[in-house]
Protein backbone atom coordinates (compact mmCIF):
# COMPACT_ATOMS: atom_id res chain seq x y z
CA MET A 1 0.00 0.00 0.00
CA LYS A 2 2.86 2.38 0.80
CA ASN A 3 4.35 1.70 -2.63
CA ILE A 4 1.05 2.62 -4.31
CA LEU A 5 0.82 5.87 -2.34
CA PHE A 6 4.46 6.68 -3.08
CA ALA A 7 3.88 6.03 -6.79
CA ALA A 8 0.74 8.16 -6.74
CA LEU A 9 2.58 11.01 -5.05
CA ALA A 10 5.36 10.74 -7.62
CA VAL A 11 2.77 10.96 -10.38
CA ILE A 12 1.26 14.02 -8.70
CA CYS A 13 4.68 15.70 -8.63
CA LEU A 14 5.28 14.92 -12.30
CA THR A 15 1.79 15.91 -13.39
CA ASN A 16 2.01 19.24 -11.64
CA PHE A 17 5.42 20.07 -13.17
CA ASN A 18 3.98 21.89 -16.18
CA TYR A 19 1.38 23.48 -13.98
CA ALA A 20 4.17 24.72 -11.69
CA GLN A 21 6.01 26.34 -14.57
CA SER A 22 2.94 28.24 -15.71
CA SER A 23 1.84 29.28 -12.23
CA VAL A 24 5.29 30.65 -11.34
CA LYS A 25 5.09 32.95 -14.35
CA LYS A 26 1.61 34.25 -13.45
CA ASP A 27 1.18 37.60 -11.80
CA VAL A 28 -0.31 37.02 -8.39
CA ASP A 29 -3.55 38.90 -7.95
CA GLU A 30 -6.35 38.61 -5.46
CA ALA A 31 -8.24 35.93 -7.43
CA ASP A 32 -5.17 33.70 -7.72
CA THR A 33 -4.52 33.73 -3.97
CA GLU A 34 -7.83 31.98 -3.36
CA LYS A 35 -7.11 29.11 -5.79
CA MET A 36 -6.15 25.66 -4.62
CA LEU A 37 -5.32 22.29 -6.11
CA LEU A 38 -7.40 19.24 -5.33
CA THR A 39 -6.33 15.68 -6.13
CA ILE A 40 -9.16 13.17 -6.44
CA PHE A 41 -8.67 9.42 -6.66
CA LEU A 42 -11.63 7.68 -8.30
CA LYS A 43 -11.05 4.06 -7.31
CA HIS A 44 -12.78 1.58 -9.60
CA ASP A 45 -15.42 -0.68 -8.12
CA GLN A 46 -13.80 -4.05 -8.85
CA SER A 47 -17.18 -5.79 -8.97
CA MET A 48 -18.02 -3.97 -12.25
CA ASN A 49 -16.31 -3.99 -15.63
CA LEU A 50 -15.47 -0.81 -17.52
CA SER A 51 -18.73 -0.80 -19.50
CA GLU A 52 -20.78 -1.07 -16.32
CA ILE A 53 -18.79 1.74 -14.68
CA GLU A 54 -19.34 3.97 -17.73
CA ASP A 55 -23.08 3.20 -17.69
CA VAL A 56 -23.34 4.25 -14.03
CA ARG A 57 -21.36 7.46 -14.65
CA THR A 58 -23.44 8.37 -17.68
CA LYS A 59 -26.80 7.61 -16.02
CA GLN A 60 -25.86 9.65 -12.94
CA GLY A 61 -24.87 12.65 -15.09
CA PHE A 62 -21.15 12.61 -14.23
CA TYR A 63 -20.03 14.04 -17.57
CA LYS A 64 -22.57 16.86 -17.36
CA SER A 65 -21.77 18.02 -13.83
CA PHE A 66 -18.06 17.29 -13.39
CA PRO A 67 -16.09 19.40 -13.04
CA PRO A 68 -18.48 22.08 -11.79
CA GLU A 69 -18.54 25.56 -13.34
CA GLY A 70 -15.49 27.59 -12.36
CA VAL A 71 -13.27 24.53 -11.77
CA SER A 72 -10.41 23.60 -14.13
CA VAL A 73 -8.93 20.18 -14.81
CA VAL A 74 -5.13 20.32 -14.52
CA ASN A 75 -4.55 16.60 -15.19
CA TRP A 76 -6.60 13.42 -15.50
CA TYR A 77 -4.72 10.12 -15.43
CA VAL A 78 -5.44 6.42 -15.21
CA VAL A 79 -3.49 4.88 -12.34
CA MET A 80 -3.43 1.18 -13.11
CA GLY A 81 -4.59 -0.92 -10.19
CA ILE A 82 -6.32 2.06 -8.57
CA GLY A 83 -8.55 3.83 -11.07
CA GLN A 84 -8.36 7.45 -12.10
CA MET A 85 -6.56 10.42 -10.59
CA VAL A 86 -7.87 13.91 -11.31
CA VAL A 87 -6.08 17.11 -10.33
CA LEU A 88 -8.32 20.17 -10.26
CA GLU A 89 -7.60 23.87 -9.79
CA LEU A 90 -10.39 25.75 -8.10
CA PRO A 91 -11.26 28.68 -5.91
CA ALA A 92 -11.62 27.50 -2.31
CA SER A 93 -15.26 28.61 -2.46
CA LYS A 94 -15.94 25.85 -5.06
CA LEU A 95 -14.79 22.98 -2.82
CA ARG A 96 -18.36 22.19 -1.76
CA ASP A 97 -19.50 22.07 -5.42
CA VAL A 98 -16.74 19.60 -6.33
CA ASN A 99 -17.59 17.38 -3.36
CA LEU A 100 -21.31 17.37 -4.25
CA ALA A 101 -20.56 16.58 -7.91
CA ILE A 102 -18.51 13.55 -6.82
CA GLU A 103 -21.12 12.40 -4.28
CA LYS A 104 -24.04 12.74 -6.69
CA THR A 105 -22.52 11.38 -9.87
CA ALA A 106 -19.44 9.21 -9.19
CA TRP A 107 -20.53 7.09 -6.24
CA LYS A 108 -21.55 3.53 -7.18
CA ALA A 109 -18.99 3.55 -10.00
CA PHE A 110 -16.09 4.67 -7.80
CA LYS A 111 -14.94 5.00 -4.25
CA SER A 112 -13.41 8.45 -3.95
CA GLU A 113 -10.53 9.90 -2.00
CA ILE A 114 -10.03 13.68 -2.08
CA TYR A 115 -6.85 15.46 -1.01
CA PRO A 116 -6.08 19.18 -0.98
CA THR A 117 -2.67 19.59 -2.60
CA TYR A 118 -0.31 22.42 -3.31
CA ASP A 119 2.51 23.14 -5.69
CA LEU A 120 5.83 22.79 -3.86
CA TYR A 121 8.01 22.85 -6.97
CA PRO A 122 8.51 26.64 -7.18
CA LEU A 123 9.85 26.63 -3.61
CA ILE A 124 12.10 23.60 -3.98
CA GLU A 125 13.35 24.18 -7.54
CA GLN A 126 16.21 26.46 -6.40
CA LYS A 127 17.40 23.84 -3.91
CA LEU A 128 17.74 21.05 -6.47
CA ASP A 129 21.25 20.26 -7.68
CA ASN A 130 19.91 18.46 -10.76
CA LYS A 131 18.13 21.12 -12.83
CA SER A 132 16.98 18.70 -15.55
CA LYS A 133 13.34 19.05 -16.45
CA VAL A 134 10.92 16.44 -17.69
CA SER A 135 7.99 17.28 -19.92
CA TYR A 136 5.40 14.97 -21.38
């Protein structure tokens, strides 16, 4: 289990690399200070196959209500053996809307885990001896 979490955290770091580059270059204004990152693990229900999961998501309106208005998808990955990992950028005031969208439209198809995350790369970049950058 620790290996899975370590791998997932490594993926989060890599997936947020491009996001980090763009957010460092942004001018900080009042609206940007309220924004946060949210990492959501949508763990597949192993009792259903992919077609059944898609049917549940479609019937519950997942694709129509997720992500909610005002919320941006930073990355959306398949994590084999777990399910899907979605990184969102949102104003803190939209946290409730994201939670409700997951509860109303993803449950039954997925078990969800939601973690507030933040971009550490701009703070740690200067400390790194190896300045090589990876882009996908």
